[in-house]
């Protein structure tokens, strides 16, 4: 609600667009009556933020370093939100592409992005790659750390069964 109010005042506020576009799919409940509408809104916000960030000039009151960092964070949030939208819709390849961009843009990536990337990769039967994503997730401290370790072990077992047998 606060994001909507802020966007009514300034519909091109990149910080609000990227943050709300990130929050909506993180708090997604498929049983909500307006679940699809929330995903559509998150997609709209993140795509608009990415569009604006591509041509955003540096404000005079920011140093080059501060602007670069703020821009990277907004880009990461936008790609993360869009990746989660695609994940929620079962568009796993698209989700992977967005989440990989999100994790590469910042020095402290969101653990959820690696976890969801691992799930995406499992859905595409790319178990070795999934194990790597879960490993990255498990190396970050947070509430998903133990679950990522377990998922990594499971993905490694799946990758071993999928590997070609040596004669």
Protein backbone atom coordinates (compact mmCIF):
# COMPACT_ATOMS: atom_id res chain seq x y z
CA UNK A 1 0.00 0.00 0.00
CA UNK A 2 2.86 2.38 0.80
CA UNK A 3 4.52 1.52 -2.50
CA UNK A 4 1.31 2.22 -4.39
CA UNK A 5 1.02 5.62 -2.71
CA UNK A 6 4.63 6.46 -3.52
CA UNK A 7 4.15 5.42 -7.15
CA UNK A 8 1.05 7.60 -7.42
CA UNK A 9 3.26 10.56 -6.54
CA UNK A 10 6.10 9.46 -8.83
CA UNK A 11 5.31 6.54 -11.16
CA UNK A 12 8.94 6.36 -12.30
CA UNK A 13 10.54 6.07 -8.84
CA UNK A 14 13.08 3.35 -9.58
CA UNK A 15 13.76 2.56 -5.94
CA UNK A 16 10.07 1.95 -5.23
CA UNK A 17 9.45 0.08 -8.49
CA UNK A 18 12.35 -2.30 -7.89
CA UNK A 19 11.57 -2.82 -4.20
CA UNK A 20 7.83 -3.44 -4.63
CA UNK A 21 8.55 -5.61 -7.68
CA UNK A 22 10.89 -7.65 -5.45
CA UNK A 23 8.57 -7.85 -2.43
CA UNK A 24 5.40 -8.99 -4.25
CA UNK A 25 6.72 -12.32 -5.58
CA UNK A 26 8.60 -12.97 -2.31
CA UNK A 27 5.31 -12.74 -0.40
CA UNK A 28 3.28 -14.56 -3.04
CA UNK A 29 0.45 -16.82 -1.92
CA UNK A 30 -1.10 -18.82 -4.78
CA UNK A 31 -4.34 -19.07 -2.76
CA UNK A 32 -4.90 -15.30 -2.72
CA UNK A 33 -7.80 -14.26 -4.89
CA UNK A 34 -5.61 -11.71 -6.63
CA UNK A 35 -2.42 -13.82 -6.79
CA UNK A 36 -2.06 -13.59 -10.58
CA UNK A 37 -2.72 -9.87 -10.49
CA UNK A 38 0.08 -9.41 -7.94
CA UNK A 39 2.50 -11.32 -10.18
CA UNK A 40 1.45 -9.21 -13.15
CA UNK A 41 2.04 -6.06 -11.13
CA UNK A 42 5.44 -7.26 -9.94
CA UNK A 43 6.40 -8.04 -13.54
CA UNK A 44 5.23 -4.61 -14.67
CA UNK A 45 7.14 -2.84 -11.86
CA UNK A 46 10.39 -4.75 -12.37
CA UNK A 47 10.37 -4.35 -16.14
CA UNK A 48 9.70 -0.62 -15.79
CA UNK A 49 12.52 -0.29 -13.26
CA UNK A 50 14.92 -2.12 -15.60
CA UNK A 51 13.86 0.12 -18.46
CA UNK A 52 14.46 3.28 -16.41
CA UNK A 53 17.75 2.03 -14.96
CA UNK A 54 19.14 1.49 -18.45
CA UNK A 55 19.13 5.22 -19.15
CA UNK A 56 19.11 6.77 -15.69
CA UNK A 57 21.55 9.67 -15.37
CA UNK A 58 23.66 10.02 -12.24
CA UNK A 59 22.17 12.55 -9.82
CA UNK A 60 24.52 15.44 -9.10
CA UNK A 61 24.41 14.85 -5.35
CA UNK A 62 25.83 11.29 -5.62
CA UNK A 63 29.40 10.19 -6.16
CA UNK A 64 30.09 7.84 -9.04
CA UNK A 65 30.66 4.97 -6.59
CA UNK A 66 27.46 5.64 -4.63
CA UNK A 67 25.43 5.84 -7.84
CA UNK A 68 26.96 2.64 -9.21
CA UNK A 69 26.19 0.79 -5.99
CA UNK A 70 22.60 2.09 -5.77
CA UNK A 71 22.04 1.23 -9.43
CA UNK A 72 23.43 -2.29 -8.95
CA UNK A 73 21.17 -2.89 -5.96
CA UNK A 74 18.09 -1.69 -7.85
CA UNK A 75 19.04 -3.83 -10.87
CA UNK A 76 19.59 -6.84 -8.63
CA UNK A 77 16.23 -6.37 -6.89
CA UNK A 78 14.50 -5.97 -10.25
CA UNK A 79 16.07 -9.08 -11.79
CA UNK A 80 15.39 -11.03 -8.59
CA UNK A 81 11.74 -9.99 -8.52
CA UNK A 82 11.30 -10.79 -12.20
CA UNK A 83 13.03 -14.14 -11.73
CA UNK A 84 10.64 -15.03 -8.93
CA UNK A 85 7.66 -13.99 -11.05
CA UNK A 86 8.84 -16.37 -13.78
CA UNK A 87 9.48 -19.12 -11.20
CA UNK A 88 5.97 -18.75 -9.78
CA UNK A 89 4.60 -19.13 -13.32
CA UNK A 90 6.68 -22.23 -14.05
CA UNK A 91 8.89 -20.42 -16.59
CA UNK A 92 12.08 -21.99 -15.26
CA UNK A 93 14.57 -21.06 -17.99
CA UNK A 94 13.48 -17.41 -17.86
CA UNK A 95 13.66 -17.48 -14.07
CA UNK A 96 17.23 -18.80 -14.15
CA UNK A 97 18.37 -16.07 -16.52
CA UNK A 98 16.95 -13.31 -14.30
CA UNK A 99 18.14 -14.79 -11.01
CA UNK A 100 21.66 -15.32 -12.32
CA UNK A 101 21.80 -11.65 -13.27
CA UNK A 102 20.50 -10.69 -9.83
CA UNK A 103 23.22 -12.66 -8.02
CA UNK A 104 26.03 -11.31 -10.20
CA UNK A 105 25.17 -7.64 -9.69
CA UNK A 106 25.85 -7.34 -5.96
CA UNK A 107 28.51 -8.50 -3.53
CA UNK A 108 25.90 -9.81 -1.08
CA UNK A 109 23.34 -11.69 -3.20
CA UNK A 110 20.00 -12.85 -1.84
CA UNK A 111 20.16 -16.45 -0.63
CA UNK A 112 16.66 -17.03 -2.00
CA UNK A 113 17.88 -16.30 -5.53
CA UNK A 114 20.36 -19.19 -5.41
CA UNK A 115 17.80 -21.49 -3.81
CA UNK A 116 15.15 -20.79 -6.43
CA UNK A 117 17.76 -21.10 -9.20
CA UNK A 118 18.53 -24.57 -7.85
CA UNK A 119 14.85 -25.52 -7.96
CA UNK A 120 14.55 -24.10 -11.48
CA UNK A 121 17.52 -26.17 -12.60
CA UNK A 122 16.08 -29.31 -11.02
CA UNK A 123 12.83 -28.74 -12.89
CA UNK A 124 14.89 -28.66 -16.10
CA UNK A 125 16.70 -31.87 -15.06
CA UNK A 126 20.05 -30.02 -14.85
CA UNK A 127 21.01 -31.62 -11.56
CA UNK A 128 24.75 -30.86 -11.55
CA UNK A 129 24.02 -27.18 -12.15
CA UNK A 130 21.33 -27.30 -9.46
CA UNK A 131 23.86 -28.69 -7.00
CA UNK A 132 26.15 -25.75 -7.74
CA UNK A 133 23.33 -23.25 -7.17
CA UNK A 134 22.39 -24.93 -3.89
CA UNK A 135 26.07 -24.92 -2.89
CA UNK A 136 26.23 -21.14 -3.40
CA UNK A 137 23.05 -20.84 -1.35
CA UNK A 138 24.49 -22.98 1.45
CA UNK A 139 27.60 -20.79 1.63
CA UNK A 140 25.49 -17.78 2.62
CA UNK A 141 24.25 -17.47 6.16
CA UNK A 142 20.51 -17.30 6.50
CA UNK A 143 17.40 -19.30 7.14
CA UNK A 144 17.81 -21.39 3.98
CA UNK A 145 21.37 -22.53 4.68
CA UNK A 146 20.57 -26.02 6.01
CA UNK A 147 17.84 -26.59 3.42
CA UNK A 148 20.30 -25.62 0.68
CA UNK A 149 22.86 -28.13 1.98
CA UNK A 150 20.25 -30.89 1.90
CA UNK A 151 19.08 -29.85 -1.57
CA UNK A 152 22.69 -29.77 -2.79
CA UNK A 153 23.26 -33.33 -1.58
CA UNK A 154 20.04 -34.50 -3.24
CA UNK A 155 20.90 -32.74 -6.52
CA UNK A 156 24.37 -34.35 -6.47
CA UNK A 157 22.78 -37.78 -6.05
CA UNK A 158 20.42 -37.06 -8.94
CA UNK A 159 23.31 -35.85 -11.10
CA UNK A 160 25.23 -39.05 -10.38
CA UNK A 161 22.32 -41.20 -11.54
CA UNK A 162 21.95 -39.12 -14.69
CA UNK A 163 25.63 -39.27 -15.60
CA UNK A 164 26.61 -41.65 -18.38
CA UNK A 165 27.89 -44.96 -17.08
CA UNK A 166 31.55 -45.72 -17.73
CA UNK A 167 32.30 -49.12 -19.32
